[in-house]
Structure formats: structure tokens, C-alpha cells
N, C-alpha and C. Protein backbone atom coordinates (compact mmCIF):
# COMPACT_ATOMS: atom_id res chain seq x y z
N UNK A 1 -10.66 -18.28 7.40
CA UNK A 1 -11.15 -16.86 7.97
C UNK A 1 -11.22 -16.31 6.72
N UNK A 2 -12.57 -15.66 6.35
CA UNK A 2 -12.65 -14.53 5.20
C UNK A 2 -12.31 -13.47 5.42
N UNK A 3 -11.58 -12.83 4.50
CA UNK A 3 -11.42 -11.16 4.49
C UNK A 3 -12.57 -10.38 4.21
N UNK A 4 -13.82 -10.76 4.32
CA UNK A 4 -14.93 -10.09 3.86
C UNK A 4 -14.82 -8.76 4.52
N UNK A 5 -14.79 -7.67 3.52
CA UNK A 5 -14.96 -6.48 4.11
C UNK A 5 -16.26 -5.67 4.35
N UNK A 6 -16.68 -4.79 5.37
CA UNK A 6 -17.59 -4.06 5.65
C UNK A 6 -17.62 -2.57 5.94
N UNK A 7 -18.14 -1.74 5.31
CA UNK A 7 -18.13 -0.48 5.14
C UNK A 7 -18.16 -0.21 6.95
N UNK A 8 -17.31 0.20 7.34
CA UNK A 8 -17.52 0.77 8.90
C UNK A 8 -18.64 2.09 8.98
N UNK A 9 -19.64 2.09 9.74
CA UNK A 9 -20.61 2.83 10.22
C UNK A 9 -20.48 3.41 11.60
N UNK A 10 -21.28 4.43 12.07
CA UNK A 10 -21.11 4.95 13.35
C UNK A 10 -21.06 4.17 14.55
N UNK A 11 -22.12 2.76 14.15
CA UNK A 11 -21.96 2.06 15.09
C UNK A 11 -21.09 1.10 15.53
N UNK A 12 -19.98 1.33 14.76
CA UNK A 12 -18.79 0.18 14.95
C UNK A 12 -17.82 1.08 15.19
N UNK A 13 -17.87 2.14 16.01
CA UNK A 13 -17.04 3.00 16.38
C UNK A 13 -15.99 2.03 17.55
N UNK A 14 -16.82 1.64 18.51
CA UNK A 14 -15.82 0.87 19.14
C UNK A 14 -15.07 0.02 19.12
N UNK A 15 -15.80 -1.09 18.23
CA UNK A 15 -15.00 -1.98 17.67
C UNK A 15 -13.60 -1.57 16.76
N UNK A 16 -13.82 -0.32 15.75
CA UNK A 16 -12.77 -0.09 15.13
C UNK A 16 -11.77 0.77 16.00
N UNK A 17 -12.40 1.62 16.92
CA UNK A 17 -10.95 2.33 17.99
C UNK A 17 -10.58 1.30 18.66
N UNK A 18 -11.02 0.07 18.83
CA UNK A 18 -10.37 -0.89 19.67
C UNK A 18 -9.00 -1.50 18.71
N UNK A 19 -9.50 -1.83 17.43
CA UNK A 19 -8.41 -2.31 16.56
C UNK A 19 -7.33 -0.93 16.36
N UNK A 20 -7.78 -0.06 16.37
CA UNK A 20 -6.84 1.02 15.93
C UNK A 20 -5.89 1.28 17.40
N UNK A 21 -6.48 1.03 18.46
CA UNK A 21 -5.59 1.00 19.52
C UNK A 21 -4.59 0.14 19.57
N UNK A 22 -4.89 -1.22 19.08
CA UNK A 22 -4.27 -2.29 19.12
C UNK A 22 -2.91 -2.14 17.88
N UNK A 23 -3.32 -1.40 16.72
CA UNK A 23 -2.44 -1.16 16.00
C UNK A 23 -1.31 0.16 16.25
N UNK A 24 -1.82 1.00 16.83
CA UNK A 24 -0.97 2.01 17.28
C UNK A 24 0.01 1.29 18.21
N UNK A 25 -0.32 0.65 19.14
CA UNK A 25 0.41 0.17 20.48
C UNK A 25 1.64 -0.81 19.59
N UNK A 26 1.12 -1.55 18.77
CA UNK A 26 2.05 -2.33 17.91
C UNK A 26 3.06 -1.51 17.27
N UNK A 27 2.76 -0.27 16.73
CA UNK A 27 3.48 0.42 15.63
C UNK A 27 4.10 1.57 16.75
N UNK A 28 3.78 1.45 18.27
CA UNK A 28 4.60 2.85 19.00
C UNK A 28 3.99 4.08 18.59
N UNK A 29 3.03 4.07 18.17
CA UNK A 29 1.85 5.38 17.95
C UNK A 29 1.40 6.08 19.28
N UNK A 30 1.52 6.92 19.63
CA UNK A 30 0.99 7.44 20.75
C UNK A 30 -0.20 8.52 20.39
N UNK A 31 -1.09 8.20 20.74
CA UNK A 31 -2.45 8.92 20.58
C UNK A 31 -3.65 8.84 21.51
N UNK A 32 -3.88 10.03 22.18
CA UNK A 32 -5.08 9.74 23.21
C UNK A 32 -6.43 8.81 22.39
N UNK A 33 -6.95 8.32 23.20
CA UNK A 33 -8.59 7.64 23.00
C UNK A 33 -9.23 8.57 22.45
N UNK A 34 -9.42 9.89 23.01
CA UNK A 34 -10.10 10.88 22.48
C UNK A 34 -10.00 11.54 21.06
N UNK A 35 -8.55 11.82 21.03
CA UNK A 35 -8.36 12.03 19.35
C UNK A 35 -8.47 10.83 18.53
N UNK A 36 -8.31 9.65 18.95
CA UNK A 36 -8.29 8.59 17.99
C UNK A 36 -9.85 8.44 17.50
N UNK A 37 -10.69 8.56 18.37
CA UNK A 37 -12.14 8.23 18.12
C UNK A 37 -12.68 9.81 17.73
N UNK A 38 -12.05 11.08 17.50
CA UNK A 38 -12.38 11.91 17.05
C UNK A 38 -11.77 12.02 15.38
N UNK A 39 -10.78 11.52 15.12
CA UNK A 39 -10.13 11.12 13.92
C UNK A 39 -11.01 9.94 13.08
N UNK A 40 -11.55 9.05 13.82
CA UNK A 40 -12.41 8.28 12.94
C UNK A 40 -13.71 8.53 12.82
N UNK A 41 -14.37 9.34 13.54
CA UNK A 41 -15.84 9.48 13.59
C UNK A 41 -16.10 9.99 12.35
N UNK A 42 -15.58 10.93 11.65
CA UNK A 42 -15.78 11.61 10.29
C UNK A 42 -16.03 10.46 9.16
N UNK A 43 -15.01 9.58 9.27
CA UNK A 43 -14.96 8.37 8.31
C UNK A 43 -16.15 7.52 8.35
N UNK A 44 -16.55 7.22 9.62
CA UNK A 44 -17.84 6.53 10.11
C UNK A 44 -19.11 7.20 9.41
N UNK A 45 -19.02 8.64 9.55
CA UNK A 45 -20.15 9.19 9.06
C UNK A 45 -20.20 9.77 7.61
N UNK A 46 -19.03 9.40 6.79
CA UNK A 46 -19.61 9.37 5.44
C UNK A 46 -18.64 10.48 4.85
N UNK A 47 -17.63 11.11 5.59
CA UNK A 47 -16.92 12.25 4.76
C UNK A 47 -16.28 11.85 3.55
N UNK A 48 -16.08 12.81 2.51
CA UNK A 48 -15.71 12.45 1.24
C UNK A 48 -14.17 12.09 1.27
N UNK A 49 -13.46 12.41 2.26
CA UNK A 49 -11.97 12.27 2.39
C UNK A 49 -11.75 11.10 2.66
N UNK A 50 -12.18 10.28 3.08
CA UNK A 50 -11.67 8.51 3.26
C UNK A 50 -12.97 7.80 3.82
N UNK A 51 -12.45 6.60 3.65
CA UNK A 51 -13.30 5.65 4.40
C UNK A 51 -12.60 4.38 4.99
N UNK A 52 -13.63 3.63 5.89
CA UNK A 52 -12.83 2.62 6.77
C UNK A 52 -13.61 1.17 6.57
N UNK A 53 -12.84 0.33 6.39
CA UNK A 53 -13.54 -0.63 6.24
C UNK A 53 -13.17 -1.63 7.27
N UNK A 54 -13.93 -2.58 8.14
CA UNK A 54 -13.79 -3.58 9.13
C UNK A 54 -13.26 -5.35 8.04
N UNK A 55 -12.34 -5.79 8.54
CA UNK A 55 -12.34 -6.94 8.03
C UNK A 55 -12.63 -8.27 8.64
N UNK A 56 -13.23 -9.16 8.25
CA UNK A 56 -13.81 -10.54 8.70
C UNK A 56 -15.26 -10.12 9.16
N UNK A 57 -15.91 -10.99 10.04
CA UNK A 57 -17.09 -10.75 10.69
C UNK A 57 -17.57 -9.39 11.16
N UNK A 58 -18.53 -8.61 11.10
CA UNK A 58 -18.67 -7.34 11.48
C UNK A 58 -18.61 -7.14 12.85
N UNK A 59 -19.51 -8.63 13.71
CA UNK A 59 -19.49 -8.32 15.20
C UNK A 59 -18.21 -8.76 15.78
N UNK A 60 -17.11 -9.04 15.20
CA UNK A 60 -15.99 -9.73 15.80
C UNK A 60 -14.72 -9.21 14.68
N UNK A 61 -14.51 -8.26 14.17
CA UNK A 61 -13.55 -7.97 13.20
C UNK A 61 -12.20 -8.25 13.37
N UNK A 62 -11.63 -8.94 12.48
CA UNK A 62 -9.98 -9.16 12.85
C UNK A 62 -8.89 -8.11 12.49
N UNK A 63 -9.39 -7.15 11.73
CA UNK A 63 -8.57 -5.98 11.33
C UNK A 63 -9.48 -4.94 10.56
N UNK A 64 -8.74 -4.00 9.90
CA UNK A 64 -9.13 -2.88 9.52
C UNK A 64 -8.38 -2.19 8.38
N UNK A 65 -9.02 -1.54 7.53
CA UNK A 65 -8.29 -0.62 6.66
C UNK A 65 -8.89 0.49 6.41
N UNK A 66 -7.94 1.67 6.41
CA UNK A 66 -8.43 2.90 6.07
C UNK A 66 -7.88 3.69 4.84
N UNK A 67 -8.65 4.26 4.03
CA UNK A 67 -8.25 4.70 2.81
C UNK A 67 -8.65 6.29 2.93
N UNK A 68 -7.47 6.90 2.46
CA UNK A 68 -7.90 8.60 2.44
C UNK A 68 -7.86 8.58 1.35
N UNK A 69 -8.40 10.09 0.39
CA UNK A 69 -8.58 10.39 -0.80
C UNK A 69 -8.01 11.65 -0.88
N UNK A 70 -7.35 11.83 -2.15
CA UNK A 70 -6.60 13.05 -2.74
C UNK A 70 -7.11 13.07 -4.09
N UNK A 71 -6.32 13.97 -4.48
CA UNK A 71 -6.55 14.15 -6.01
C UNK A 71 -5.11 14.68 -6.66
N UNK A 72 -4.63 13.61 -7.90
CA UNK A 72 -3.66 13.88 -8.85
C UNK A 72 -3.55 14.14 -10.16
N UNK A 73 -2.95 15.41 -10.36
CA UNK A 73 -3.36 15.67 -12.06
C UNK A 73 -2.35 14.69 -12.81
N UNK A 74 -1.23 14.13 -12.21
CA UNK A 74 -0.27 13.41 -12.55
C UNK A 74 -0.90 11.96 -12.77
N UNK A 75 -1.58 11.55 -12.02
CA UNK A 75 -2.31 10.36 -12.17
C UNK A 75 -3.80 10.30 -12.89
N UNK A 76 -4.44 11.24 -12.91
CA UNK A 76 -5.18 11.46 -13.77
C UNK A 76 -6.75 11.51 -12.90
N UNK A 77 -6.53 12.11 -11.63
CA UNK A 77 -7.95 12.07 -11.02
C UNK A 77 -7.94 11.82 -9.53
N UNK A 78 -8.83 11.13 -8.87
CA UNK A 78 -8.80 10.63 -7.58
C UNK A 78 -7.94 9.97 -7.23
N UNK A 79 -6.84 10.17 -6.08
CA UNK A 79 -5.90 8.89 -6.00
C UNK A 79 -6.38 8.71 -4.41
N UNK A 80 -6.03 7.38 -3.86
CA UNK A 80 -6.12 6.89 -2.51
C UNK A 80 -4.89 6.58 -1.84
N UNK A 81 -4.91 6.56 -0.63
CA UNK A 81 -3.49 6.58 0.11
C UNK A 81 -4.19 5.44 1.57
N UNK A 82 -3.30 4.57 1.44
CA UNK A 82 -3.95 3.54 2.62
C UNK A 82 -3.27 4.18 3.83
N UNK A 83 -4.06 4.62 4.59
CA UNK A 83 -3.30 5.21 5.80
C UNK A 83 -3.12 4.30 6.92
N UNK A 84 -3.89 3.26 7.09
CA UNK A 84 -3.74 2.06 8.07
C UNK A 84 -4.34 1.15 7.74
N UNK A 85 -3.32 -0.02 7.74
CA UNK A 85 -3.86 -1.37 7.49
C UNK A 85 -3.56 -2.42 8.60
N UNK A 86 -4.64 -3.08 9.33
CA UNK A 86 -4.14 -3.91 10.29
C UNK A 86 -4.92 -5.12 10.25
N UNK A 87 -4.02 -6.04 10.64
CA UNK A 87 -4.94 -7.58 10.75
C UNK A 87 -4.31 -8.01 12.22
N UNK A 88 -5.11 -8.66 13.01
CA UNK A 88 -4.55 -9.23 14.22
C UNK A 88 -3.36 -10.03 14.24
N UNK A 89 -2.45 -9.77 15.05
CA UNK A 89 -0.98 -10.50 14.87
C UNK A 89 -1.11 -12.01 14.79
N UNK A 90 -2.00 -12.72 15.37
CA UNK A 90 -2.31 -14.03 15.37
C UNK A 90 -2.69 -14.71 13.75
N UNK A 91 -3.39 -13.77 13.44
CA UNK A 91 -3.92 -14.15 11.78
C UNK A 91 -3.23 -13.52 10.48
N UNK A 92 -1.81 -12.97 10.77
CA UNK A 92 -0.89 -12.63 9.69
C UNK A 92 -0.23 -13.61 9.08
N UNK A 93 -0.01 -13.61 7.98
CA UNK A 93 0.66 -14.77 7.28
C UNK A 93 -0.23 -15.76 6.34
N UNK A 94 -1.60 -15.50 6.64
CA UNK A 94 -2.55 -16.19 6.16
C UNK A 94 -3.19 -16.17 4.93
N UNK A 95 -2.90 -14.98 4.15
CA UNK A 95 -3.21 -14.85 2.93
C UNK A 95 -4.36 -13.44 2.96
N UNK A 96 -4.79 -12.95 4.19
CA UNK A 96 -6.05 -12.20 4.47
C UNK A 96 -5.37 -10.76 3.83
N UNK A 97 -4.49 -10.30 4.14
CA UNK A 97 -4.12 -8.77 3.49
C UNK A 97 -4.10 -8.75 2.04
N UNK A 98 -3.63 -9.99 1.35
CA UNK A 98 -3.72 -9.93 -0.17
C UNK A 98 -5.00 -10.00 -0.71
N UNK A 99 -6.08 -10.76 -0.01
CA UNK A 99 -7.45 -11.08 -0.39
C UNK A 99 -8.14 -9.72 -0.10
N UNK A 100 -7.97 -8.87 0.93
CA UNK A 100 -8.49 -7.79 1.12
C UNK A 100 -8.09 -6.75 0.06
N UNK A 101 -6.68 -6.57 -0.27
CA UNK A 101 -6.50 -5.67 -1.17
C UNK A 101 -7.02 -6.21 -2.63
N UNK A 102 -6.92 -7.55 -2.83
CA UNK A 102 -7.26 -8.06 -4.27
C UNK A 102 -8.89 -7.68 -4.37
N UNK A 103 -9.64 -7.49 -3.12
CA UNK A 103 -11.12 -7.22 -3.18
C UNK A 103 -11.27 -5.62 -3.46
N UNK A 104 -10.43 -5.11 -2.58
CA UNK A 104 -10.69 -3.60 -2.41
C UNK A 104 -9.97 -2.80 -3.74
N UNK A 105 -9.21 -3.27 -4.50
CA UNK A 105 -8.65 -2.57 -5.63
C UNK A 105 -9.52 -2.17 -6.90
N UNK A 106 -10.24 -3.59 -7.13
CA UNK A 106 -11.13 -2.97 -8.10
C UNK A 106 -12.37 -2.29 -7.80
N UNK A 107 -12.60 -2.56 -6.57
CA UNK A 107 -13.70 -1.43 -6.28
C UNK A 107 -13.51 -0.23 -6.12
N UNK A 108 -12.50 -0.15 -5.69
CA UNK A 108 -11.89 1.46 -6.15
C UNK A 108 -11.86 1.93 -7.27
N UNK A 109 -11.04 1.21 -8.19
CA UNK A 109 -11.33 1.44 -9.65
C UNK A 109 -12.55 1.78 -10.04
N UNK A 110 -13.82 0.98 -9.69
CA UNK A 110 -14.92 1.15 -9.93
C UNK A 110 -15.51 2.32 -9.92
N UNK A 111 -15.04 2.90 -8.66
CA UNK A 111 -15.73 4.21 -8.08
C UNK A 111 -14.63 5.29 -8.32
N UNK A 112 -13.60 5.06 -9.60
CA UNK A 112 -13.11 6.24 -10.16
C UNK A 112 -11.61 6.66 -9.50
N UNK A 113 -11.09 5.84 -8.57
CA UNK A 113 -9.78 6.12 -8.22
C UNK A 113 -8.93 5.51 -9.02
N UNK A 114 -7.89 6.21 -9.52
CA UNK A 114 -7.24 6.05 -10.53
C UNK A 114 -5.57 5.55 -9.64
N UNK A 115 -5.24 5.75 -8.69
CA UNK A 115 -4.20 4.94 -7.94
C UNK A 115 -4.44 5.09 -6.47
N UNK A 116 -3.53 3.93 -6.17
CA UNK A 116 -3.39 3.70 -4.68
C UNK A 116 -2.07 3.67 -4.32
N UNK A 117 -1.68 4.47 -3.16
CA UNK A 117 -0.33 4.58 -2.80
C UNK A 117 -0.69 3.95 -1.19
N UNK A 118 0.65 3.61 -0.65
CA UNK A 118 0.82 2.89 0.50
C UNK A 118 2.01 2.97 0.73
N UNK A 119 2.51 2.92 2.32
CA UNK A 119 3.90 2.98 2.95
C UNK A 119 4.12 1.82 3.51
N UNK A 120 5.20 1.28 3.49
CA UNK A 120 5.89 0.08 4.11
C UNK A 120 7.09 0.19 4.35
N UNK A 121 7.48 -0.28 5.76
CA UNK A 121 8.64 -0.05 6.50
C UNK A 121 9.57 -0.67 5.51
N UNK A 122 10.79 -0.23 5.37
CA UNK A 122 11.99 -0.68 4.30
C UNK A 122 12.31 -2.10 4.87
N UNK A 123 12.45 -2.47 6.15
CA UNK A 123 12.93 -3.61 6.44
C UNK A 123 11.77 -4.70 6.60
N UNK A 124 10.48 -4.56 6.13
CA UNK A 124 9.52 -5.42 6.08
C UNK A 124 9.12 -6.01 4.90
N UNK A 125 9.98 -7.00 4.54
CA UNK A 125 10.27 -7.69 3.52
C UNK A 125 8.95 -8.49 2.96
N UNK A 126 8.38 -9.20 3.74
CA UNK A 126 7.01 -9.79 3.71
C UNK A 126 5.95 -9.13 3.25
N UNK A 127 5.83 -7.76 4.00
CA UNK A 127 4.55 -6.96 3.17
C UNK A 127 5.17 -6.13 1.99
N UNK A 128 6.40 -5.98 1.46
CA UNK A 128 7.10 -5.57 0.44
C UNK A 128 6.80 -6.58 -0.63
N UNK A 129 6.98 -7.92 -0.34
CA UNK A 129 6.73 -8.78 -1.49
C UNK A 129 5.25 -9.04 -1.54
N UNK A 130 4.21 -8.97 -0.64
CA UNK A 130 3.05 -9.05 -0.95
C UNK A 130 2.64 -7.80 -1.80
N UNK A 131 3.11 -6.61 -1.36
CA UNK A 131 2.16 -5.42 -2.27
C UNK A 131 3.16 -5.44 -3.42
N UNK A 132 4.06 -5.81 -3.98
CA UNK A 132 5.05 -5.97 -5.20
C UNK A 132 3.96 -6.99 -6.08
N UNK A 133 3.48 -8.27 -5.28
CA UNK A 133 2.79 -9.31 -6.12
C UNK A 133 1.43 -8.52 -6.54
N UNK A 134 1.25 -7.83 -5.93
CA UNK A 134 -0.51 -7.18 -6.22
C UNK A 134 -0.13 -5.84 -7.29
N UNK A 135 1.00 -5.70 -7.53
CA UNK A 135 1.21 -4.50 -8.49
C UNK A 135 1.57 -3.11 -7.92
N UNK A 136 1.93 -3.29 -6.82
CA UNK A 136 2.39 -1.82 -6.29
C UNK A 136 4.11 -1.83 -6.45
N UNK A 137 4.47 -0.42 -6.96
CA UNK A 137 5.77 -0.34 -7.42
C UNK A 137 6.44 0.83 -6.76
N UNK A 138 7.77 0.53 -6.30
CA UNK A 138 8.39 1.53 -5.53
C UNK A 138 8.74 2.91 -6.69
N UNK A 139 8.47 3.88 -6.18
CA UNK A 139 8.66 5.23 -7.05
C UNK A 139 10.25 5.75 -6.75
N UNK A 140 10.95 5.12 -7.07
CA UNK A 140 12.41 5.20 -6.96
C UNK A 140 12.87 7.05 -6.75
N UNK A 141 12.42 7.52 -7.73
CA UNK A 141 12.47 8.79 -7.78
C UNK A 141 11.99 10.00 -6.82
N UNK A 142 11.34 9.49 -6.12
CA UNK A 142 10.18 10.27 -4.93
C UNK A 142 10.37 9.68 -3.59
N UNK A 143 10.29 10.64 -2.77
CA UNK A 143 10.30 10.21 -1.50
C UNK A 143 9.12 10.71 -0.60
N UNK A 144 8.46 10.24 -0.07
CA UNK A 144 7.71 10.98 0.69
C UNK A 144 8.00 11.57 1.97
N UNK A 145 7.35 12.64 1.89
CA UNK A 145 8.12 13.76 2.99
C UNK A 145 6.75 14.36 3.58
N UNK A 146 6.76 14.45 5.01
CA UNK A 146 5.90 14.81 5.45
C UNK A 146 6.16 16.13 6.79
N UNK A 147 4.98 16.92 7.02
CA UNK A 147 5.46 17.79 7.91
C UNK A 147 3.90 18.02 8.69
N UNK A 148 4.01 17.93 10.11
CA UNK A 148 3.00 17.85 11.14
C UNK A 148 2.54 19.34 11.30
N UNK A 149 1.37 19.43 10.83
CA UNK A 149 0.85 20.97 11.05
C UNK A 149 0.07 21.14 12.49
N UNK A 150 -0.26 20.43 13.01
CA UNK A 150 -1.08 20.55 14.29
C UNK A 150 -1.11 19.63 15.23
């Protein structure tokens, strides 16, 4: 199985929304289908705030990754945040996640992204190991804190 990436377009909404629904069910995230589609639509229409890629064959993707963009003076410019990264359960552990990131990291850098952040569950040693092998580092002096605004 190839981890080929396809930039998600408006015509991919149904495929992407289905994968996102699977990921949300797996993680216990509750969100209505309408809210999910409304959140995905701007990514597919070219918002400068983020991007979504389908993983694998475009007509039958096996996963997706969403990157949101921000700006960091400390890090020297545009930074990205892996918002969601999902590969179907039966295909995990075969190297697809690493292949996706090894493809995506230089492409983001070529487009001016200075840093990429991600969250990983503390107990997910397999994912933590993968991210460490790819050069991600834990920022021990920082804690990600979130306040939901609406």
C-alpha cells in the first residue's frame, strides 16, 4: 500500500467526511455530521488556514491528514499543526504514517513552513516512537493548553 498524498478538493468531501467520522468514533469525539462537513468544506475550497490530504488511492483513500497553519515569531514564520491524522485500523503498523510524514515534511518546508507541531496521547508509545524517529521533540518546558471559544 502506497502512502501517496492527494490534496483534497471539494469533490472529495464525502470520502473525507467518512474517514473523519471513523477517526472521531475511534477517538470518542462527538460532532454532528453537519458541523463536520462545515469544518471540512473551507479546507477543500482552498482556505489559507489549513490543508487536507487523502492518503492512498484518491477513489478509495485509506486515511487522511489535516494541517492547520499559524505564525510563530519564535520559530521564524509560518508554522503548522497536525490537526488530525488517521489511517484505517487494519493498515496501521505497516509504515504508512512514517511515509506520509517523510513526504509531507519537505513539501511543507519548501512552501515556507518553519515548524510542524503535533499532539500525541501520552500512552501511545508506538506513535511517540515514530514521531521521535522523524525528528519531533517533546518541548518539556511547554504545555499545550486549550480553551474552547464556541
